[in-house]
C-alpha atoms as a PDB file:
ATOM      1  CA  MET A   1      76.334-143.661 -42.107  1.00  0.00           C
ATOM      2  CA  SER A   2      75.973-145.017 -45.613  1.00  0.00           C
ATOM      3  CA  THR A   3      75.380-142.590 -48.483  1.00  0.00           C
ATOM      4  CA  THR A   4      74.472-143.163 -52.100  1.00  0.00           C
ATOM      5  CA  LEU A   5      77.383-141.098 -53.412  1.00  0.00           C
ATOM      6  CA  PRO A   6      80.956-141.063 -52.122  1.00  0.00           C
ATOM      7  CA  THR A   7      81.762-138.236 -49.719  1.00  0.00           C
ATOM      8  CA  ASP A   8      85.162-137.455 -51.262  1.00  0.00           C
ATOM      9  CA  SER A   9      84.758-134.453 -53.595  1.00  0.00           C
ATOM     10  CA  ALA A  10      87.031-135.906 -56.295  1.00  0.00           C
ATOM     11  CA  GLU A  11      85.169-139.234 -56.269  1.00  0.00           C
ATOM     12  CA  ARG A  12      81.780-137.458 -56.418  1.00  0.00           C
ATOM     13  CA  LYS A  13      82.780-135.925 -59.764  1.00  0.00           C
ATOM     14  CA  GLU A  14      82.890-139.456 -61.204  1.00  0.00           C
ATOM     15  CA  TYR A  15      79.066-139.537 -60.939  1.00  0.00           C
ATOM     16  CA  PRO A  16      77.836-136.988 -63.549  1.00  0.00           C
ATOM     17  CA  LEU A  17      74.148-137.337 -62.726  1.00  0.00           C
ATOM     18  CA  PHE A  18      73.074-134.376 -64.838  1.00  0.00           C
ATOM     19  CA  ARG A  19      75.527-134.627 -67.751  1.00  0.00           C
ATOM     20  CA  GLY A  20      75.702-138.443 -67.800  1.00  0.00           C
ATOM     21  CA  LEU A  21      72.131-139.402 -66.932  1.00  0.00           C
ATOM     22  CA  LEU A  22      69.503-136.665 -67.176  1.00  0.00           C
ATOM     23  CA  ARG A  23      70.939-135.203 -70.379  1.00  0.00           C
ATOM     24  CA  TYR A  24      71.394-138.647 -71.960  1.00  0.00           C
ATOM     25  CA  PHE A  25      67.929-140.046 -71.244  1.00  0.00           C
ATOM     26  CA  PRO A  26      65.406-137.247 -70.535  1.00  0.00           C
ATOM     27  CA  ALA A  27      62.404-138.838 -72.277  1.00  0.00           C
ATOM     28  CA  ALA A  28      63.096-142.291 -70.833  1.00  0.00           C
ATOM     29  CA  LEU A  29      63.476-140.919 -67.297  1.00  0.00           C
ATOM     30  CA  ALA A  30      60.288-138.867 -67.659  1.00  0.00           C
ATOM     31  CA  GLY A  31      58.506-142.050 -68.765  1.00  0.00           C
ATOM     32  CA  VAL A  32      59.853-143.963 -65.761  1.00  0.00           C
ATOM     33  CA  ALA A  33      58.712-141.153 -63.439  1.00  0.00           C
ATOM     34  CA  ARG A  34      55.208-141.328 -64.956  1.00  0.00           C
ATOM     35  CA  HIS A  35      55.238-145.129 -64.607  1.00  0.00           C
ATOM     36  CA  SER A  36      56.188-144.730 -60.927  1.00  0.00           C
ATOM     37  CA  LYS A  37      53.216-142.420 -60.357  1.00  0.00           C
ATOM     38  CA  LEU A  38      50.757-144.658 -62.205  1.00  0.00           C
ATOM     39  CA  GLY A  39      52.071-147.720 -60.353  1.00  0.00           C
ATOM     40  CA  ASN A  40      51.789-146.005 -56.981  1.00  0.00           C
ATOM     41  CA  ASP A  41      48.231-144.877 -57.779  1.00  0.00           C
ATOM     42  CA  LYS A  42      47.355-148.469 -58.735  1.00  0.00           C
ATOM     43  CA  HIS A  43      49.101-150.359 -55.914  1.00  0.00           C
ATOM     44  CA  ASN A  44      48.935-147.756 -53.110  1.00  0.00           C
ATOM     45  CA  PRO A  45      45.818-145.673 -53.833  1.00  0.00           C
ATOM     46  CA  GLY A  46      45.591-142.526 -51.747  1.00  0.00           C
ATOM     47  CA  GLU A  47      49.106-142.936 -50.336  1.00  0.00           C
ATOM     48  CA  GLU A  48      52.191-140.793 -50.844  1.00  0.00           C
ATOM     49  CA  MET A  49      54.473-142.167 -53.536  1.00  0.00           C
ATOM     50  CA  HIS A  50      56.656-144.993 -52.272  1.00  0.00           C
ATOM     51  CA  HIS A  51      58.105-148.234 -53.631  1.00  0.00           C
ATOM     52  CA  SER A  52      56.230-151.112 -51.965  1.00  0.00           C
ATOM     53  CA  ARG A  53      58.858-153.752 -52.580  1.00  0.00           C
ATOM     54  CA  GLY A  54      56.893-156.546 -50.945  1.00  0.00           C
ATOM     55  CA  LYS A  55      54.207-156.387 -53.629  1.00  0.00           C
ATOM     56  CA  SER A  56      56.370-157.580 -56.537  1.00  0.00           C
ATOM     57  CA  ALA A  57      60.012-158.627 -56.527  1.00  0.00           C
ATOM     58  CA  ASP A  58      60.292-160.768 -59.658  1.00  0.00           C
ATOM     59  CA  HIS A  59      62.167-158.093 -61.602  1.00  0.00           C
ATOM     60  CA  PRO A  60      64.103-160.408 -63.988  1.00  0.00           C
ATOM     61  CA  ASP A  61      60.937-162.205 -65.124  1.00  0.00           C
ATOM     62  CA  CYS A  62      59.044-158.928 -65.495  1.00  0.00           C
ATOM     63  CA  ILE A  63      61.881-157.415 -67.532  1.00  0.00           C
ATOM     64  CA  VAL A  64      61.801-160.330 -69.975  1.00  0.00           C
ATOM     65  CA  ARG A  65      57.991-160.177 -70.255  1.00  0.00           C
ATOM     66  CA  HIS A  66      58.170-156.442 -71.008  1.00  0.00           C
ATOM     67  CA  MET A  67      60.864-157.123 -73.626  1.00  0.00           C
ATOM     68  CA  LEU A  68      58.660-159.711 -75.334  1.00  0.00           C
ATOM     69  CA  ASP A  69      55.647-157.393 -75.253  1.00  0.00           C
ATOM     70  CA  MET A  70      57.750-154.546 -76.657  1.00  0.00           C
ATOM     71  CA  SER A  71      58.980-156.777 -79.483  1.00  0.00           C
ATOM     72  CA  ASP A  72      55.431-157.832 -80.355  1.00  0.00           C
ATOM     73  CA  ILE A  73      54.098-154.271 -80.288  1.00  0.00           C
ATOM     74  CA  GLU A  74      57.032-152.886 -82.264  1.00  0.00           C
ATOM     75  CA  ALA A  75      56.632-155.614 -84.903  1.00  0.00           C
ATOM     76  CA  GLU A  76      52.931-154.759 -85.200  1.00  0.00           C
ATOM     77  CA  ILE A  77      53.758-151.068 -85.607  1.00  0.00           C
ATOM     78  CA  GLU A  78      56.376-151.835 -88.281  1.00  0.00           C
ATOM     79  CA  ARG A  79      53.919-154.051 -90.200  1.00  0.00           C
ATOM     80  CA  SER A  80      51.120-151.483 -90.131  1.00  0.00           C
ATOM     81  CA  PRO A  81      50.835-148.997 -92.975  1.00  0.00           C
ATOM     82  CA  GLU A  82      50.080-146.277 -90.397  1.00  0.00           C
ATOM     83  CA  ARG A  83      51.253-145.934 -86.830  1.00  0.00           C
ATOM     84  CA  SER A  84      48.349-145.981 -84.435  1.00  0.00           C
ATOM     85  CA  ALA A  85      48.636-143.593 -81.480  1.00  0.00           C
ATOM     86  CA  ASP A  86      47.373-146.393 -79.223  1.00  0.00           C
ATOM     87  CA  GLU A  87      50.085-148.778 -80.428  1.00  0.00           C
ATOM     88  CA  VAL A  88      52.791-146.178 -79.906  1.00  0.00           C
ATOM     89  CA  ALA A  89      51.428-145.401 -76.423  1.00  0.00           C
ATOM     90  CA  ALA A  90      51.447-149.129 -75.603  1.00  0.00           C
ATOM     91  CA  LEU A  91      55.054-149.436 -76.811  1.00  0.00           C
ATOM     92  CA  MET A  92      56.171-146.440 -74.722  1.00  0.00           C
ATOM     93  CA  SER A  93      54.318-147.821 -71.694  1.00  0.00           C
ATOM     94  CA  GLU A  94      56.110-151.165 -72.018  1.00  0.00           C
ATOM     95  CA  ALA A  95      59.471-149.398 -72.434  1.00  0.00           C
ATOM     96  CA  ASP A  96      58.810-147.329 -69.303  1.00  0.00           C
ATOM     97  CA  ALA A  97      57.773-150.425 -67.333  1.00  0.00           C
ATOM     98  CA  LEU A  98      60.883-152.317 -68.453  1.00  0.00           C
ATOM     99  CA  CYS A  99      63.159-149.426 -67.447  1.00  0.00           C
ATOM    100  CA  TRP A 100      61.399-149.089 -64.085  1.00  0.00           C
ATOM    101  CA  ARG A 101      61.952-152.793 -63.387  1.00  0.00           C
ATOM    102  CA  ALA A 102      65.604-152.605 -64.422  1.00  0.00           C
ATOM    103  CA  LEU A 103      66.150-149.605 -62.136  1.00  0.00           C
ATOM    104  CA  ALA A 104      64.312-151.297 -59.256  1.00  0.00           C
ATOM    105  CA  TRP A 105      66.458-154.414 -59.595  1.00  0.00           C
ATOM    106  CA  SER A 106      69.647-152.372 -59.889  1.00  0.00           C
ATOM    107  CA  GLN A 107      68.729-150.302 -56.808  1.00  0.00           C
ATOM    108  CA  GLU A 108      68.081-153.426 -54.753  1.00  0.00           C
ATOM    109  CA  LEU A 109      71.385-154.960 -55.884  1.00  0.00           C
ATOM    110  CA  HIS A 110      73.264-151.769 -54.999  1.00  0.00           C
ATOM    111  CA  GLU A 111      71.647-151.847 -51.557  1.00  0.00           C
ATOM    112  CA  ARG A 112      72.126-155.546 -50.958  1.00  0.00           C
ATOM    113  CA  TYR A 113      75.675-155.948 -52.239  1.00  0.00           C
ATOM    114  CA  GLY A 114      77.130-152.510 -52.974  1.00  0.00           C
ATOM    115  CA  GLY A 115      76.606-150.842 -49.619  1.00  0.00           C
ATOM    116  CA  ALA A 116      74.094-148.258 -50.875  1.00  0.00           C
ATOM    117  CA  PRO A 117      71.589-147.001 -48.306  1.00  0.00           C
ATOM    118  CA  LEU A 118      67.955-148.029 -48.535  1.00  0.00           C
ATOM    119  CA  ALA A 119      66.159-145.813 -51.048  1.00  0.00           C
ATOM    120  CA  PRO A 120      64.381-142.990 -49.177  1.00  0.00           C
ATOM    121  CA  VAL A 121      60.836-144.065 -50.085  1.00  0.00           C
ATOM    122  CA  ALA A 122      61.316-147.849 -50.262  1.00  0.00           C
ATOM    123  CA  SER A 123      59.289-150.209 -48.112  1.00  0.00           C
ATOM    124  CA  GLY A 124      59.094-153.989 -48.054  1.00  0.00           C
ATOM    125  CA  PRO A 125      61.913-156.496 -48.500  1.00  0.00           C
ATOM    126  CA  PRO A 126      65.087-155.264 -46.862  1.00  0.00           C
ATOM    127  CA  ARG A 127      68.296-153.930 -48.312  1.00  0.00           C
ATOM    128  CA  GLY A 128      70.408-156.339 -46.270  1.00  0.00           C
ATOM    129  CA  ARG A 129      71.608-159.675 -47.591  1.00  0.00           C
ATOM    130  CA  LEU A 130      68.765-162.157 -47.954  1.00  0.00           C
ATOM    131  CA  GLU A 131      69.512-165.563 -46.517  1.00  0.00           C
ATOM    132  CA  HIS A 132      67.387-167.008 -49.319  1.00  0.00           C
ATOM    133  CA  PRO A 133      67.950-165.291 -52.695  1.00  0.00           C
ATOM    134  CA  MET A 134      64.296-165.633 -53.605  1.00  0.00           C
ATOM    135  CA  LEU A 135      61.557-164.378 -51.362  1.00  0.00           C
ATOM    136  CA  LEU A 136      59.750-167.252 -49.723  1.00  0.00           C
ATOM    137  CA  ARG A 137      56.180-167.324 -50.964  1.00  0.00           C
ATOM    138  CA  ALA A 138      53.862-168.570 -48.295  1.00  0.00           C
ATOM    139  CA  LYS A 139      50.110-169.004 -47.825  1.00  0.00           C
ATOM    140  CA  PRO A 140      49.566-168.442 -44.999  1.00  0.00           C
ATOM    141  CA  PHE A 141      52.620-166.646 -43.581  1.00  0.00           C
ATOM    142  CA  VAL A 142      55.412-169.056 -42.642  1.00  0.00           C
ATOM    143  CA  PRO A 143      56.622-168.262 -39.113  1.00  0.00           C
ATOM    144  CA  LYS A 144      60.311-168.229 -38.347  1.00  0.00           C
ATOM    145  CA  PRO A 145      61.493-171.848 -38.090  1.00  0.00           C
ATOM    146  CA  ASP A 146      63.144-172.827 -34.803  1.00  0.00           C
ATOM    147  CA  ASP A 147      66.388-173.697 -36.598  1.00  0.00           C
ATOM    148  CA  ALA A 148      66.454-170.588 -38.847  1.00  0.00           C
ATOM    149  CA  PRO A 149      69.616-168.492 -39.035  1.00  0.00           C
ATOM    150  CA  ALA A 150      69.705-165.367 -36.916  1.00  0.00           C
ATOM    151  CA  GLY A 151      67.945-162.425 -38.475  1.00  0.00           C
ATOM    152  CA  THR A 152      64.613-160.678 -38.636  1.00  0.00           C
ATOM    153  CA  TRP A 153      61.658-162.362 -40.318  1.00  0.00           C
ATOM    154  CA  HIS A 154      59.154-160.118 -42.120  1.00  0.00           C
ATOM    155  CA  GLN A 155      55.774-160.518 -43.759  1.00  0.00           C
ATOM    156  CA  ALA A 156      54.045-158.451 -46.447  1.00  0.00           C
ATOM    157  CA  GLY A 157      50.854-160.009 -47.722  1.00  0.00           C
ATOM    158  CA  THR A 158      51.674-163.567 -48.756  1.00  0.00           C
ATOM    159  CA  LEU A 159      55.420-162.955 -48.840  1.00  0.00           C
ATOM    160  CA  SER A 160      57.846-163.693 -46.056  1.00  0.00           C
ATOM    161  CA  TRP A 161      61.577-163.120 -45.988  1.00  0.00           C
ATOM    162  CA  LEU A 162      64.576-163.223 -43.699  1.00  0.00           C
ATOM    163  CA  GLU A 163      66.754-160.150 -43.243  1.00  0.00           C
ATOM    164  CA  THR A 164      70.277-160.685 -41.986  1.00  0.00           C
ATOM    165  CA  GLU A 165      72.986-158.149 -41.357  1.00  0.00           C
ATOM    166  CA  PRO A 166      75.389-157.781 -44.300  1.00  0.00           C
END
């Protein structure tokens, strides 16, 4: 069984989740939690909170877009004689979205390459090694080719991907 943290008690102490994460970044983590809720309400209305990975997997591009938006908003705030509450809220929203994307990408990398278990509420593209680094975008769904490597083909909306054992 794969676990997120090591099982050795001495090794577990090298992961100070409270002292080294929650106490360092309380406002940022609260913002990411709020972003998760708002995103779930938008993309999975009426459903329990879960990360629908098949709906958006372009984390690097999204991170850069959020960085650009943050830079634009922050520059506008700095140029303004007064800080507008709406501008500050927009800046915080972009920061939360950027952090969420960075965490999502990091989680998927830890699962794919670092041996971490699939996040408890994740659904969509698998944690196993992807035969193709990018998800194959297909309209309509591309069935498994006859000469495809062994693995399990999946579909979520217009996305298809191949899961192979690590």
